[in-house]
């Protein structure tokens, strides 16, 4: 096999590091595979109106009704967040902090949902060291 010269080794190491970073971006804390949960934002309801997810999972809200709504984490939610007011489109939020989130539409009293976020499982795998030069 042909030996790689010094510049080629550097390029190979950088390419490998970038590839590893891209893979890690799709893994939740603790090493578990992250999941995207789809939530419909209809006229005066969220569907589902209750979810239990793992820290690092993502909620993807999709407006399906015709009225303007927003998505707001209120009350004692571990982390607050707020979407813009809109009548269509999507809004994504990744929840990392365990706890119970009360999510509401501030424009429509009674339009709410509960999301319970559990701690991710501990990781048991290790990353192998980079190859020696």
Protein backbone atom coordinates (compact mmCIF):
# COMPACT_ATOMS: atom_id res chain seq x y z
CA UNK A 1 0.00 0.00 0.00
CA UNK A 2 1.23 3.47 -0.86
CA UNK A 3 2.29 5.60 2.15
CA UNK A 4 0.47 8.90 2.67
CA UNK A 5 2.55 12.03 2.84
CA UNK A 6 2.24 14.42 5.78
CA UNK A 7 -0.41 16.73 4.19
CA UNK A 8 -2.60 13.76 3.26
CA UNK A 9 -2.51 12.47 6.86
CA UNK A 10 -3.62 15.85 8.14
CA UNK A 11 -6.49 16.01 5.65
CA UNK A 12 -7.56 12.49 6.58
CA UNK A 13 -7.52 13.31 10.31
CA UNK A 14 -9.50 16.53 9.81
CA UNK A 15 -12.04 14.74 7.60
CA UNK A 16 -12.42 12.00 10.23
CA UNK A 17 -12.90 14.55 13.02
CA UNK A 18 -15.55 16.40 10.98
CA UNK A 19 -17.38 13.16 10.25
CA UNK A 20 -17.35 12.25 13.95
CA UNK A 21 -18.71 15.70 14.86
CA UNK A 22 -21.58 15.29 12.39
CA UNK A 23 -22.53 11.93 13.89
CA UNK A 24 -22.39 13.26 17.46
CA UNK A 25 -24.79 16.08 16.49
CA UNK A 26 -27.50 13.45 15.98
CA UNK A 27 -27.01 11.72 19.33
CA UNK A 28 -28.76 12.83 22.52
CA UNK A 29 -26.86 13.43 25.76
CA UNK A 30 -25.81 10.14 27.30
CA UNK A 31 -25.17 8.61 23.87
CA UNK A 32 -28.76 7.57 23.15
CA UNK A 33 -30.32 8.11 19.74
CA UNK A 34 -32.46 11.30 19.81
CA UNK A 35 -36.08 11.19 18.65
CA UNK A 36 -38.20 13.88 17.03
CA UNK A 37 -41.80 13.97 18.28
CA UNK A 38 -44.36 15.62 16.01
CA UNK A 39 -47.03 17.76 17.67
CA UNK A 40 -49.95 19.19 15.72
CA UNK A 41 -50.98 22.75 16.53
CA UNK A 42 -54.65 22.80 15.53
CA UNK A 43 -57.34 25.35 16.11
CA UNK A 44 -57.42 25.44 19.92
CA UNK A 45 -55.61 22.15 20.61
CA UNK A 46 -52.23 20.42 20.68
CA UNK A 47 -52.15 16.80 19.55
CA UNK A 48 -50.97 14.88 21.45
CA UNK A 49 -51.73 16.91 24.56
CA UNK A 50 -49.37 14.86 26.76
CA UNK A 51 -45.95 13.32 26.05
CA UNK A 52 -43.07 11.73 27.93
CA UNK A 53 -39.70 12.08 26.22
CA UNK A 54 -36.01 11.67 27.05
CA UNK A 55 -33.69 14.65 27.51
CA UNK A 56 -32.17 15.49 24.13
CA UNK A 57 -35.31 14.61 22.17
CA UNK A 58 -36.93 17.25 19.96
CA UNK A 59 -40.50 18.48 19.71
CA UNK A 60 -41.53 19.55 16.22
CA UNK A 61 -44.70 21.62 16.27
CA UNK A 62 -46.62 21.88 12.99
CA UNK A 63 -49.47 24.32 12.49
CA UNK A 64 -52.42 22.59 10.81
CA UNK A 65 -55.32 24.92 11.64
CA UNK A 66 -56.15 28.34 10.24
CA UNK A 67 -55.94 30.48 13.39
CA UNK A 68 -52.80 32.18 14.71
CA UNK A 69 -51.14 30.37 17.65
CA UNK A 70 -47.88 30.38 19.56
CA UNK A 71 -46.06 27.72 21.58
CA UNK A 72 -44.84 28.85 25.01
CA UNK A 73 -43.29 26.93 27.92
CA UNK A 74 -44.74 28.55 31.05
CA UNK A 75 -45.04 28.10 34.79
CA UNK A 76 -42.45 25.93 36.50
CA UNK A 77 -41.09 24.49 33.23
CA UNK A 78 -37.35 23.75 33.68
CA UNK A 79 -36.50 25.99 30.69
CA UNK A 80 -38.74 28.62 29.14
CA UNK A 81 -39.13 29.03 25.40
CA UNK A 82 -41.49 30.77 23.02
CA UNK A 83 -42.25 30.49 19.32
CA UNK A 84 -43.40 33.39 17.22
CA UNK A 85 -47.12 33.83 16.58
CA UNK A 86 -48.01 32.14 13.32
CA UNK A 87 -50.86 30.48 11.41
CA UNK A 88 -48.75 27.95 9.50
CA UNK A 89 -45.29 26.46 9.42
CA UNK A 90 -43.18 24.59 11.97
CA UNK A 91 -41.26 25.24 15.18
CA UNK A 92 -38.66 22.87 16.70
CA UNK A 93 -37.37 22.77 20.24
CA UNK A 94 -34.94 20.27 21.76
CA UNK A 95 -35.57 19.73 25.47
CA UNK A 96 -32.49 18.83 27.51
CA UNK A 97 -33.50 19.55 31.10
CA UNK A 98 -35.57 16.89 32.91
CA UNK A 99 -38.85 17.95 34.46
CA UNK A 100 -42.43 18.78 33.53
CA UNK A 101 -43.03 21.43 30.88
CA UNK A 102 -46.39 23.17 30.65
CA UNK A 103 -46.77 24.27 27.04
CA UNK A 104 -49.57 26.67 26.11
CA UNK A 105 -50.86 28.91 23.37
CA UNK A 106 -51.02 32.34 25.01
CA UNK A 107 -53.77 33.42 22.61
CA UNK A 108 -56.25 30.66 23.51
CA UNK A 109 -56.98 29.86 27.19
CA UNK A 110 -57.23 26.12 27.76
CA UNK A 111 -55.00 25.27 24.79
CA UNK A 112 -52.19 23.48 26.59
CA UNK A 113 -50.12 20.33 26.76
CA UNK A 114 -47.82 18.63 29.25
CA UNK A 115 -44.40 17.27 28.32
CA UNK A 116 -42.45 15.23 30.85
CA UNK A 117 -38.73 15.02 30.12
CA UNK A 118 -36.80 12.19 31.78
CA UNK A 119 -33.03 12.09 32.20
CA UNK A 120 -31.19 10.32 29.40
CA UNK A 121 -29.68 6.94 30.25
CA UNK A 122 -26.00 7.02 31.22
CA UNK A 123 -23.55 6.32 28.47
CA UNK A 124 -21.45 3.18 28.68
CA UNK A 125 -19.44 3.44 25.49
CA UNK A 126 -16.14 5.19 25.03
CA UNK A 127 -14.62 6.83 22.00
CA UNK A 128 -11.50 5.10 20.72
CA UNK A 129 -8.34 7.23 20.72
CA UNK A 130 -7.23 8.73 17.38
CA UNK A 131 -4.65 6.79 15.40
CA UNK A 132 -1.01 7.46 16.25
CA UNK A 133 0.96 9.45 13.71
